[in-house]
C-alpha atoms as a PDB file:
ATOM      1  CA  MET A   1      -0.126  -0.156   0.217  1.00  0.00           C
ATOM      2  CA  SER A   2       1.648   3.430  -0.967  1.00  0.00           C
ATOM      3  CA  ASN A   3       0.721   7.190  -1.430  1.00  0.00           C
ATOM      4  CA  VAL A   4       2.046   7.889  -5.335  1.00  0.00           C
ATOM      5  CA  LEU A   5       2.012  10.982  -6.950  1.00  0.00           C
ATOM      6  CA  VAL A   6       2.501  11.042 -10.807  1.00  0.00           C
ATOM      7  CA  ILE A   7       3.374  14.454 -12.213  1.00  0.00           C
ATOM      8  CA  GLY A   8       2.486  14.731 -15.599  1.00  0.00           C
ATOM      9  CA  ALA A   9      -0.668  12.512 -15.996  1.00  0.00           C
ATOM     10  CA  SER A  10      -2.785  13.969 -18.596  1.00  0.00           C
ATOM     11  CA  ARG A  11      -1.847  11.175 -21.471  1.00  0.00           C
ATOM     12  CA  GLY A  12       0.714   8.509 -22.258  1.00  0.00           C
ATOM     13  CA  LEU A  13       3.165   7.247 -19.821  1.00  0.00           C
ATOM     14  CA  GLY A  14       1.956   9.223 -16.998  1.00  0.00           C
ATOM     15  CA  ALA A  15      -1.871   8.603 -17.430  1.00  0.00           C
ATOM     16  CA  SER A  16      -0.801   4.698 -17.639  1.00  0.00           C
ATOM     17  CA  LEU A  17       1.064   4.648 -14.356  1.00  0.00           C
ATOM     18  CA  VAL A  18      -1.871   6.366 -12.911  1.00  0.00           C
ATOM     19  CA  LYS A  19      -4.201   3.495 -14.243  1.00  0.00           C
ATOM     20  CA  ALA A  20      -1.431   0.944 -12.998  1.00  0.00           C
ATOM     21  CA  TYR A  21      -0.879   2.017  -9.427  1.00  0.00           C
ATOM     22  CA  ALA A  22      -4.936   2.672  -9.230  1.00  0.00           C
ATOM     23  CA  THR A  23      -5.200  -0.720  -9.731  1.00  0.00           C
ATOM     24  CA  GLY A  24      -2.701  -1.911  -6.919  1.00  0.00           C
ATOM     25  CA  SER A  25      -4.103  -2.996  -3.566  1.00  0.00           C
ATOM     26  CA  GLY A  26      -4.516  -0.094  -1.090  1.00  0.00           C
ATOM     27  CA  ASN A  27      -2.821   2.606  -2.950  1.00  0.00           C
ATOM     28  CA  GLN A  28      -3.770   5.976  -3.299  1.00  0.00           C
ATOM     29  CA  VAL A  29      -2.456   7.792  -6.315  1.00  0.00           C
ATOM     30  CA  PHE A  30      -2.301  11.385  -6.745  1.00  0.00           C
ATOM     31  CA  ALA A  31      -2.296  12.777 -10.596  1.00  0.00           C
ATOM     32  CA  THR A  32      -1.350  16.209 -11.855  1.00  0.00           C
ATOM     33  CA  ILE A  33      -3.229  17.051 -15.260  1.00  0.00           C
ATOM     34  CA  ARG A  34      -3.470  20.500 -17.094  1.00  0.00           C
ATOM     35  CA  SER A  35      -7.131  20.567 -17.987  1.00  0.00           C
ATOM     36  CA  THR A  36     -10.186  18.700 -16.457  1.00  0.00           C
ATOM     37  CA  VAL A  37     -10.369  15.387 -14.708  1.00  0.00           C
ATOM     38  CA  PRO A  38     -10.961  12.202 -16.938  1.00  0.00           C
ATOM     39  CA  SER A  39     -14.437  10.543 -16.429  1.00  0.00           C
ATOM     40  CA  GLU A  40     -13.002   7.307 -15.894  1.00  0.00           C
ATOM     41  CA  SER A  41     -11.218   8.257 -12.801  1.00  0.00           C
ATOM     42  CA  THR A  42     -11.414   6.051  -9.745  1.00  0.00           C
ATOM     43  CA  SER A  43     -12.162   6.595  -6.017  1.00  0.00           C
ATOM     44  CA  ASN A  44      -8.508   5.986  -5.150  1.00  0.00           C
ATOM     45  CA  VAL A  45      -7.203   8.880  -7.655  1.00  0.00           C
ATOM     46  CA  THR A  46      -7.377  12.390  -6.786  1.00  0.00           C
ATOM     47  CA  TYR A  47      -6.424  14.582  -9.827  1.00  0.00           C
ATOM     48  CA  CYS A  48      -4.884  18.368  -9.449  1.00  0.00           C
ATOM     49  CA  SER A  49      -5.887  19.890 -12.452  1.00  0.00           C
ATOM     50  CA  GLY A  50      -4.690  23.197 -14.029  1.00  0.00           C
ATOM     51  CA  ILE A  51      -0.941  22.134 -13.116  1.00  0.00           C
ATOM     52  CA  ASP A  52       1.356  23.754 -15.687  1.00  0.00           C
ATOM     53  CA  VAL A  53       4.807  22.441 -14.520  1.00  0.00           C
ATOM     54  CA  SER A  54       6.160  25.359 -17.146  1.00  0.00           C
ATOM     55  CA  THR A  55       5.276  27.781 -14.801  1.00  0.00           C
ATOM     56  CA  GLU A  56       6.754  28.623 -11.494  1.00  0.00           C
ATOM     57  CA  SER A  57       3.747  28.657  -9.530  1.00  0.00           C
ATOM     58  CA  ALA A  58       3.296  25.067 -10.383  1.00  0.00           C
ATOM     59  CA  GLY A  59       5.010  23.768  -7.311  1.00  0.00           C
ATOM     60  CA  PRO A  60       3.042  25.868  -4.596  1.00  0.00           C
ATOM     61  CA  ASP A  61      -0.001  25.014  -6.449  1.00  0.00           C
ATOM     62  CA  LEU A  62       0.526  21.340  -6.472  1.00  0.00           C
ATOM     63  CA  VAL A  63       1.612  21.348  -2.546  1.00  0.00           C
ATOM     64  CA  SER A  64      -1.818  23.057  -1.857  1.00  0.00           C
ATOM     65  CA  CYS A  65      -3.682  20.677  -3.696  1.00  0.00           C
ATOM     66  CA  VAL A  66      -2.098  17.316  -2.563  1.00  0.00           C
ATOM     67  CA  SER A  67      -1.542  18.575   1.220  1.00  0.00           C
ATOM     68  CA  LYS A  68      -5.442  18.638   1.755  1.00  0.00           C
ATOM     69  CA  SER A  69      -5.701  14.724   1.242  1.00  0.00           C
ATOM     70  CA  VAL A  70      -2.430  13.083   2.221  1.00  0.00           C
ATOM     71  CA  SER A  71       0.488  13.688   4.674  1.00  0.00           C
ATOM     72  CA  THR A  72       3.269  11.911   2.853  1.00  0.00           C
ATOM     73  CA  PHE A  73       4.026  10.093  -0.260  1.00  0.00           C
ATOM     74  CA  ASP A  74       5.774   6.852  -0.767  1.00  0.00           C
ATOM     75  CA  VAL A  75       7.078   7.660  -4.587  1.00  0.00           C
ATOM     76  CA  VAL A  76       7.141  10.725  -6.746  1.00  0.00           C
ATOM     77  CA  ILE A  77       7.269  10.220 -10.199  1.00  0.00           C
ATOM     78  CA  ILE A  78       7.911  13.135 -12.595  1.00  0.00           C
ATOM     79  CA  THR A  79       7.154  12.348 -16.288  1.00  0.00           C
ATOM     80  CA  ALA A  80       5.655  15.634 -17.706  1.00  0.00           C
ATOM     81  CA  GLY A  81       7.915  16.238 -20.655  1.00  0.00           C
ATOM     82  CA  TYR A  82       7.763  17.894 -24.276  1.00  0.00           C
ATOM     83  CA  PHE A  83       9.740  17.161 -27.387  1.00  0.00           C
ATOM     84  CA  GLY A  84       9.724  19.619 -30.182  1.00  0.00           C
ATOM     85  CA  ALA A  85      12.105  18.409 -33.243  1.00  0.00           C
ATOM     86  CA  GLU A  86      14.794  20.557 -34.658  1.00  0.00           C
ATOM     87  CA  SER A  87      17.510  20.147 -37.272  1.00  0.00           C
ATOM     88  CA  PHE A  88      20.795  22.007 -37.726  1.00  0.00           C
ATOM     89  CA  ASP A  89      19.268  23.957 -40.467  1.00  0.00           C
ATOM     90  CA  GLU A  90      16.218  24.961 -38.461  1.00  0.00           C
ATOM     91  CA  PRO A  91      17.007  25.504 -34.800  1.00  0.00           C
ATOM     92  CA  SER A  92      13.926  26.821 -32.569  1.00  0.00           C
ATOM     93  CA  TRP A  93      14.882  29.077 -29.992  1.00  0.00           C
ATOM     94  CA  GLU A  94      11.237  29.043 -28.389  1.00  0.00           C
ATOM     95  CA  LYS A  95      10.839  25.310 -28.893  1.00  0.00           C
ATOM     96  CA  GLU A  96      14.155  24.896 -26.802  1.00  0.00           C
ATOM     97  CA  VAL A  97      13.255  27.228 -24.181  1.00  0.00           C
ATOM     98  CA  LYS A  98      10.145  25.085 -23.519  1.00  0.00           C
ATOM     99  CA  MET A  99      12.129  21.753 -23.562  1.00  0.00           C
ATOM    100  CA  TYR A 100      14.625  22.992 -20.855  1.00  0.00           C
ATOM    101  CA  THR A 101      11.907  24.422 -18.868  1.00  0.00           C
ATOM    102  CA  ILE A 102       9.589  21.448 -18.539  1.00  0.00           C
ATOM    103  CA  SER A 103      12.217  18.853 -18.813  1.00  0.00           C
ATOM    104  CA  SER A 104      15.280  20.230 -16.635  1.00  0.00           C
ATOM    105  CA  ILE A 105      13.952  23.322 -14.625  1.00  0.00           C
ATOM    106  CA  ALA A 106      10.425  22.401 -13.260  1.00  0.00           C
ATOM    107  CA  PRO A 107      11.771  19.175 -11.724  1.00  0.00           C
ATOM    108  CA  ILE A 108      14.340  21.173  -9.262  1.00  0.00           C
ATOM    109  CA  PHE A 109      11.174  23.564  -8.005  1.00  0.00           C
ATOM    110  CA  LEU A 110       8.798  20.827  -8.000  1.00  0.00           C
ATOM    111  CA  VAL A 111      10.881  18.517  -5.603  1.00  0.00           C
ATOM    112  CA  HIS A 112      12.054  21.442  -3.454  1.00  0.00           C
ATOM    113  CA  HIS A 113       8.434  22.376  -2.615  1.00  0.00           C
ATOM    114  CA  LEU A 114       7.189  18.895  -2.121  1.00  0.00           C
ATOM    115  CA  VAL A 115      10.201  18.180   0.116  1.00  0.00           C
ATOM    116  CA  LYS A 116      10.054  21.365   2.454  1.00  0.00           C
ATOM    117  CA  ALA A 117       6.380  20.900   2.407  1.00  0.00           C
ATOM    118  CA  GLY A 118       7.439  17.684   4.100  1.00  0.00           C
ATOM    119  CA  LEU A 119       4.995  15.835   1.744  1.00  0.00           C
ATOM    120  CA  VAL A 120       7.991  13.040   0.923  1.00  0.00           C
ATOM    121  CA  LYS A 121       8.325  10.506   3.489  1.00  0.00           C
ATOM    122  CA  LYS A 122      11.935   9.213   4.655  1.00  0.00           C
ATOM    123  CA  GLY A 123      12.571   6.301   2.613  1.00  0.00           C
ATOM    124  CA  GLY A 124      10.466   7.791   0.102  1.00  0.00           C
ATOM    125  CA  LYS A 125      11.414   7.500  -3.610  1.00  0.00           C
ATOM    126  CA  ILE A 126      11.593  10.243  -6.569  1.00  0.00           C
ATOM    127  CA  ILE A 127      11.808   9.011  -9.850  1.00  0.00           C
ATOM    128  CA  LEU A 128      12.437  11.476 -12.776  1.00  0.00           C
ATOM    129  CA  VAL A 129      11.486  10.052 -16.086  1.00  0.00           C
ATOM    130  CA  THR A 130      14.154  11.190 -18.637  1.00  0.00           C
ATOM    131  CA  SER A 131      15.293   9.349 -21.783  1.00  0.00           C
ATOM    132  CA  GLU A 132      18.391   7.117 -22.938  1.00  0.00           C
ATOM    133  CA  SER A 133      18.751  10.212 -25.377  1.00  0.00           C
ATOM    134  CA  GLY A 134      20.204  12.454 -22.665  1.00  0.00           C
ATOM    135  CA  SER A 135      23.130  10.117 -22.597  1.00  0.00           C
ATOM    136  CA  ILE A 136      26.258  11.775 -24.197  1.00  0.00           C
ATOM    137  CA  THR A 137      28.010   8.306 -24.361  1.00  0.00           C
ATOM    138  CA  LEU A 138      25.300   6.408 -26.283  1.00  0.00           C
ATOM    139  CA  ARG A 139      25.464   9.039 -28.853  1.00  0.00           C
ATOM    140  CA  HIS A 140      26.746   7.627 -31.837  1.00  0.00           C
ATOM    141  CA  GLU A 141      27.151   8.734 -35.773  1.00  0.00           C
ATOM    142  CA  SER A 142      24.765   5.938 -36.983  1.00  0.00           C
ATOM    143  CA  GLU A 143      21.954   8.180 -35.266  1.00  0.00           C
ATOM    144  CA  GLY A 144      23.138  11.426 -36.302  1.00  0.00           C
ATOM    145  CA  GLY A 145      22.894  14.903 -34.976  1.00  0.00           C
ATOM    146  CA  GLY A 146      19.942  17.084 -34.482  1.00  0.00           C
ATOM    147  CA  ASN A 147      17.372  17.756 -31.716  1.00  0.00           C
ATOM    148  CA  TYR A 148      19.516  19.604 -29.756  1.00  0.00           C
ATOM    149  CA  GLY A 149      17.042  20.688 -27.312  1.00  0.00           C
ATOM    150  CA  HIS A 150      15.619  17.319 -26.546  1.00  0.00           C
ATOM    151  CA  HIS A 151      19.013  15.672 -26.266  1.00  0.00           C
ATOM    152  CA  ALA A 152      20.635  18.145 -23.994  1.00  0.00           C
ATOM    153  CA  SER A 153      17.736  18.975 -22.028  1.00  0.00           C
ATOM    154  CA  LYS A 154      17.319  15.377 -20.959  1.00  0.00           C
ATOM    155  CA  SER A 155      21.074  15.580 -20.160  1.00  0.00           C
ATOM    156  CA  ALA A 156      20.307  18.563 -17.909  1.00  0.00           C
ATOM    157  CA  LEU A 157      17.642  16.287 -16.094  1.00  0.00           C
ATOM    158  CA  ASN A 158      20.223  13.872 -15.517  1.00  0.00           C
ATOM    159  CA  MET A 159      22.225  16.019 -13.849  1.00  0.00           C
ATOM    160  CA  VAL A 160      19.338  17.755 -12.134  1.00  0.00           C
ATOM    161  CA  GLY A 161      18.660  14.062 -10.438  1.00  0.00           C
ATOM    162  CA  LYS A 162      22.207  13.665  -9.212  1.00  0.00           C
ATOM    163  CA  LEU A 163      22.548  16.332  -7.722  1.00  0.00           C
ATOM    164  CA  LEU A 164      19.063  16.426  -5.807  1.00  0.00           C
ATOM    165  CA  SER A 165      20.139  12.587  -5.019  1.00  0.00           C
ATOM    166  CA  LEU A 166      23.091  14.501  -3.128  1.00  0.00           C
ATOM    167  CA  ASP A 167      20.842  17.133  -1.366  1.00  0.00           C
ATOM    168  CA  LEU A 168      17.919  14.521  -0.169  1.00  0.00           C
ATOM    169  CA  LYS A 169      20.572  11.898   0.777  1.00  0.00           C
ATOM    170  CA  GLU A 170      20.573  13.035   4.460  1.00  0.00           C
ATOM    171  CA  LYS A 171      16.519  12.765   4.083  1.00  0.00           C
ATOM    172  CA  ASP A 172      16.966   8.926   3.377  1.00  0.00           C
ATOM    173  CA  ILE A 173      15.143   9.888  -0.119  1.00  0.00           C
ATOM    174  CA  ALA A 174      16.265   8.051  -3.081  1.00  0.00           C
ATOM    175  CA  VAL A 175      16.404   9.907  -6.598  1.00  0.00           C
ATOM    176  CA  GLY A 176      16.478   7.990  -9.583  1.00  0.00           C
ATOM    177  CA  MET A 177      16.870   8.473 -13.538  1.00  0.00           C
ATOM    178  CA  VAL A 178      14.904   6.520 -15.894  1.00  0.00           C
ATOM    179  CA  HIS A 179      14.505   5.921 -19.717  1.00  0.00           C
ATOM    180  CA  PRO A 180      11.241   3.959 -19.467  1.00  0.00           C
ATOM    181  CA  GLY A 181      11.401   2.646 -23.525  1.00  0.00           C
ATOM    182  CA  PHE A 182      10.516   3.670 -26.807  1.00  0.00           C
ATOM    183  CA  MET A 183       6.796   4.220 -26.723  1.00  0.00           C
ATOM    184  CA  ARG A 184       3.781   4.759 -29.128  1.00  0.00           C
ATOM    185  CA  THR A 185       2.760   8.003 -27.832  1.00  0.00           C
ATOM    186  CA  GLU A 186       1.760  11.267 -29.288  1.00  0.00           C
ATOM    187  CA  MET A 187       4.935  12.863 -28.337  1.00  0.00           C
ATOM    188  CA  THR A 188       6.496  10.499 -30.623  1.00  0.00           C
ATOM    189  CA  LYS A 189       4.046  10.835 -33.453  1.00  0.00           C
ATOM    190  CA  ASN A 190       3.918  14.493 -32.994  1.00  0.00           C
ATOM    191  CA  VAL A 191       7.763  14.584 -34.042  1.00  0.00           C
ATOM    192  CA  GLY A 192       7.711  11.981 -36.889  1.00  0.00           C
ATOM    193  CA  PHE A 193       9.173   9.234 -34.973  1.00  0.00           C
ATOM    194  CA  ASP A 194       5.703   6.946 -35.482  1.00  0.00           C
ATOM    195  CA  GLN A 195       7.639   5.987 -38.717  1.00  0.00           C
ATOM    196  CA  PHE A 196      10.013   3.968 -37.025  1.00  0.00           C
ATOM    197  CA  TRP A 197       7.552   2.385 -34.255  1.00  0.00           C
ATOM    198  CA  ASP A 198       7.145  -0.865 -36.022  1.00  0.00           C
ATOM    199  CA  SER A 199      10.980  -1.335 -36.905  1.00  0.00           C
ATOM    200  CA  GLY A 200      11.839  -0.018 -33.584  1.00  0.00           C
ATOM    201  CA  HIS A 201       8.898  -2.446 -31.928  1.00  0.00           C
ATOM    202  CA  ALA A 202       7.773   0.796 -29.707  1.00  0.00           C
ATOM    203  CA  VAL A 203       5.668  -0.633 -27.096  1.00  0.00           C
ATOM    204  CA  VAL A 204       2.260   1.217 -25.783  1.00  0.00           C
ATOM    205  CA  PRO A 205       2.497   2.606 -22.203  1.00  0.00           C
ATOM    206  CA  ASP A 206       0.853   0.534 -20.575  1.00  0.00           C
ATOM    207  CA  GLU A 207       3.570  -1.881 -21.022  1.00  0.00           C
ATOM    208  CA  ALA A 208       6.116   0.705 -20.227  1.00  0.00           C
ATOM    209  CA  ALA A 209       4.244   1.743 -17.035  1.00  0.00           C
ATOM    210  CA  LYS A 210       4.567  -1.897 -16.051  1.00  0.00           C
ATOM    211  CA  SER A 211       8.193  -2.530 -16.288  1.00  0.00           C
ATOM    212  CA  LEU A 212       8.908   0.731 -14.586  1.00  0.00           C
ATOM    213  CA  ILE A 213       6.549   0.072 -11.544  1.00  0.00           C
ATOM    214  CA  GLU A 214       8.332  -3.431 -11.050  1.00  0.00           C
ATOM    215  CA  PHE A 215      11.629  -1.518 -11.346  1.00  0.00           C
ATOM    216  CA  ILE A 216      10.366   1.117  -8.718  1.00  0.00           C
ATOM    217  CA  ASP A 217       9.476  -1.445  -6.494  1.00  0.00           C
ATOM    218  CA  GLN A 218      13.204  -2.460  -6.288  1.00  0.00           C
ATOM    219  CA  PHE A 219      14.411   0.820  -6.609  1.00  0.00           C
ATOM    220  CA  ASN A 220      16.344   1.982  -3.097  1.00  0.00           C
ATOM    221  CA  ILE A 221      18.932   4.564  -1.677  1.00  0.00           C
ATOM    222  CA  ASN A 222      22.031   2.740  -2.451  1.00  0.00           C
ATOM    223  CA  MET A 223      20.809   3.012  -6.261  1.00  0.00           C
ATOM    224  CA  SER A 224      20.153   7.047  -5.743  1.00  0.00           C
ATOM    225  CA  GLY A 225      21.576   9.554  -8.018  1.00  0.00           C
ATOM    226  CA  GLN A 226      22.209   6.732 -11.107  1.00  0.00           C
ATOM    227  CA  TYR A 227      20.665   6.671 -14.426  1.00  0.00           C
ATOM    228  CA  TRP A 228      18.528   3.548 -15.523  1.00  0.00           C
ATOM    229  CA  ALA A 229      16.532   1.562 -18.409  1.00  0.00           C
ATOM    230  CA  PRO A 230      14.307  -0.757 -16.153  1.00  0.00           C
ATOM    231  CA  ARG A 231      13.758  -2.586 -19.880  1.00  0.00           C
ATOM    232  CA  GLY A 232      17.183  -2.934 -20.816  1.00  0.00           C
ATOM    233  CA  PRO A 233      19.169  -2.324 -23.986  1.00  0.00           C
ATOM    234  CA  LYS A 234      16.714  -4.679 -25.663  1.00  0.00           C
ATOM    235  CA  GLN A 235      12.931  -6.297 -25.361  1.00  0.00           C
ATOM    236  CA  VAL A 236      12.483 -10.091 -25.959  1.00  0.00           C
ATOM    237  CA  ILE A 237       9.164 -11.036 -27.544  1.00  0.00           C
ATOM    238  CA  LEU A 238       8.364 -14.616 -27.395  1.00  0.00           C
ATOM    239  CA  ILE A 239       7.400 -16.284 -30.594  1.00  0.00           C
ATOM    240  CA  TRP A 240       5.341 -19.429 -30.763  1.00  0.00           C
ATOM    241  CA  THR A 241       5.980 -22.051 -33.556  1.00  0.00           C
ATOM    242  CA  ILE A 242       4.518 -25.433 -33.673  1.00  0.00           C
ATOM    243  CA  THR A 243       6.867 -26.895 -31.967  1.00  0.00           C
ATOM    244  CA  LEU A 244       8.273 -24.537 -29.385  1.00  0.00           C
ATOM    245  CA  PHE A 245       8.385 -20.977 -28.084  1.00  0.00           C
ATOM    246  CA  THR A 246      11.121 -18.904 -29.185  1.00  0.00           C
ATOM    247  CA  ASN A 247      12.635 -15.583 -28.291  1.00  0.00           C
ATOM    248  CA  THR A 248      13.295 -12.579 -30.563  1.00  0.00           C
ATOM    249  CA  TRP A 249      15.230  -9.438 -29.590  1.00  0.00           C
ATOM    250  CA  PHE A 250      14.426  -6.027 -30.625  1.00  0.00           C
ATOM    251  CA  ARG A 251      16.429  -2.766 -30.014  1.00  0.00           C
ATOM    252  CA  ASP A 252      15.212  -0.420 -27.540  1.00  0.00           C
ATOM    253  CA  ILE A 253      18.318   1.636 -26.841  1.00  0.00           C
ATOM    254  CA  GLY A 254      19.699   1.795 -30.854  1.00  0.00           C
ATOM    255  CA  THR A 255      23.383   2.317 -30.056  1.00  0.00           C
ATOM    256  CA  ALA A 256      23.667   0.355 -26.919  1.00  0.00           C
ATOM    257  CA  GLU A 257      25.494  -2.544 -28.506  1.00  0.00           C
ATOM    258  CA  ALA A 258      27.650  -0.301 -30.730  1.00  0.00           C
ATOM    259  CA  VAL A 259      28.701   1.809 -27.725  1.00  0.00           C
ATOM    260  CA  LEU A 260      28.744  -0.651 -24.953  1.00  0.00           C
ATOM    261  CA  GLY A 261      29.290  -4.317 -26.289  1.00  0.00           C
ATOM    262  CA  LYS A 262      27.216  -7.113 -26.482  1.00  0.00           C
ATOM    263  CA  ASP A 263      25.305  -9.537 -23.593  1.00  0.00           C
ATOM    264  CA  LEU A 264      24.211  -6.190 -21.799  1.00  0.00           C
ATOM    265  CA  SER A 265      22.162  -6.581 -18.557  1.00  0.00           C
ATOM    266  CA  THR A 266      18.387  -5.741 -17.694  1.00  0.00           C
ATOM    267  CA  PRO A 267      17.879  -3.360 -16.127  1.00  0.00           C
ATOM    268  CA  LEU A 268      20.699  -1.443 -17.596  1.00  0.00           C
ATOM    269  CA  LYS A 269      22.346   1.143 -15.731  1.00  0.00           C
ATOM    270  CA  LEU A 270      23.022   3.638 -18.710  1.00  0.00           C
ATOM    271  CA  PRO A 271      25.967   5.863 -18.808  1.00  0.00           C
ATOM    272  CA  TRP A 272      26.258   9.437 -18.699  1.00  0.00           C
END
């Protein structure tokens, strides 16, 4: 039984995390959304609507909403994000400012306000949903350049998470950064990545949420400040034939083997 806060639950992974945690026995789930409360919400889910993490008031507004109904959270997941496509020929100042603000500035202030209000329990976990795209080591010429704000804002988020882990260690609050996997979401579709969904075997958010929750259950203070891919470098799909099941592997982190070598573990601790 846990009190869980999901920040960025309007759609995609965030919405799937809320749904999955809400089915857990005794869990109380709190979720931030930008607009109206979903019609399918259940009694053990409390929504804080109108929370825009790109604004400075998001932290105080969130504390005001959740403190009415909960004493402390066991798990806080920040999954709010924005991806604006760019290229070297067409960089975008506006998109980059928005990506940095949402991905790597907002989490500092959200965590600050929650912790200062005493809303994250001793022994609690804060999970920052980042991406393997934030790993400098994993960048490879096979994937090329571009999308500067997306990659760099995730790298900045990883640094934010590492620093938060140092600040919160004495409070026994663990901070982790996670790459949830390549997903079939509106965000990836809006930047044209849906053309890679099939070849990259992108998963639906419900599947990514399941593996992320399993990882969070095992995450602890000894792993604080680390950067992980719960689904590993690849995903395995069991294919049934007439005589047996066979394992077929598909890439999730496209450059993992080229950069890190073969026989990588799952979950995979990612390099900065």
